[in-house]
Amino acid sequence: GPLKPEITITYIAVSAIFFNSGLSLKTEELTSALMHVKLHLFVQIFTLVFFPTAIWLFLQLLSITPINEWLLKGLQTVGCMPPPVSSAVILTKAVGGNEAAAIFNSAFGSFLGIVITPLLLLLFLGSSSSVPFTSIFSQLFMTVVVPLIIGQIVRRYIKDWLERKKPPFGAISSCVLLMIIYTTFCDTFANPNIDLDKFSLIIIVFIIFSVQMSFMFLTFLFSTRNNSGFTPADTVAIVFCSTHKSLTLGIPMLKIVFAGYEHLSLISVPLLIYHPAQILLGSLLVPTIKSWMVSRQKALKLTRQPKAPVKV
């Protein structure tokens, strides 16, 4: 169509989001985030090991139901996807959480996903194909890493202006993300061969929201334990990065791995539902999570303040 999503979305939109992040993020915050190994391990293991395994076990129960088997396979592909390159960062920023950690995990998880996601699809679905790792890796490098570095370089020269004017970085990223979702929906539902029964679709939508809520609650519980070592800002990044799945990487990957499958459109549907659902659910929870984080940070400050000596 006239929007040319194969260029404007695949390259320009994703690059714009990460250039925007590079421009708005303080360099010292990004550097300190790289050292937070425990947080990165938690997010990547939850996303690429626990998530797909839990979905696979759940689908063993659902396989005896009359739900469309291709939609169930699509649900498994959602579990195998890497973290998103945009939505988790935008929502973490909106709450005021550890944005630097969210950016690192989004970028690092995406690079891991290039290798791990096709292997997970092969393990859980038995789909095999020659995946062009080099071309996907180079595309990710050009659209994620390079714009982030350029944004950081530009920030050094206009830092004072940015501090003074405070441009609406969050609103810009949200508009770009909306464009990504719109074009992907158009691309999938323009397929005349898509065959969906309403019962299966409604059940899948319900399952997707239930899975997201359950996993967000689970990551919240784990990251707020007394001995976890995570700050409230870290918890925000963990909740969003661990439970969100990439659409911008996922759809091209499915097209590569399932090339020639007549049911590719049906397999893509759960991911197409999951992505806007995670943004909708995340957006609704932003005020609640923000008030929790602020009150938790205040409580931690009070406990760390030295107590005044009691006069006898």
Foldseek 3Di string as FASTA:
>chain_A
DVVPCVDCVLAVLLLLQLLLVLQPDDPVLLVVLVVPVLLLVLQLCLQAPVQLVVLLVVVVVVVVPPADVLLSLLSSLQSRFFFAQALLLLLLVLLPFSSSNLNVNNLVRNLVSLPRSLVSNCVRPVFDDDRPSVVSNVSSCNRHVVSSVVSNVVCVVCVVVCVVPVDPSSVSSVVSVVVNLVVVVCVLVVDPLADDDPVNVVVLLVVLLVQLVVQLVVLLVQCPDPPNPDALSSSSSSSSRNRHGYPSSSLVVLCRRVPPPSCSSSSNVSVSSNHVSSSVVSVVCSVVSSVVNVVRVVVVVVVPDDDDDDDD
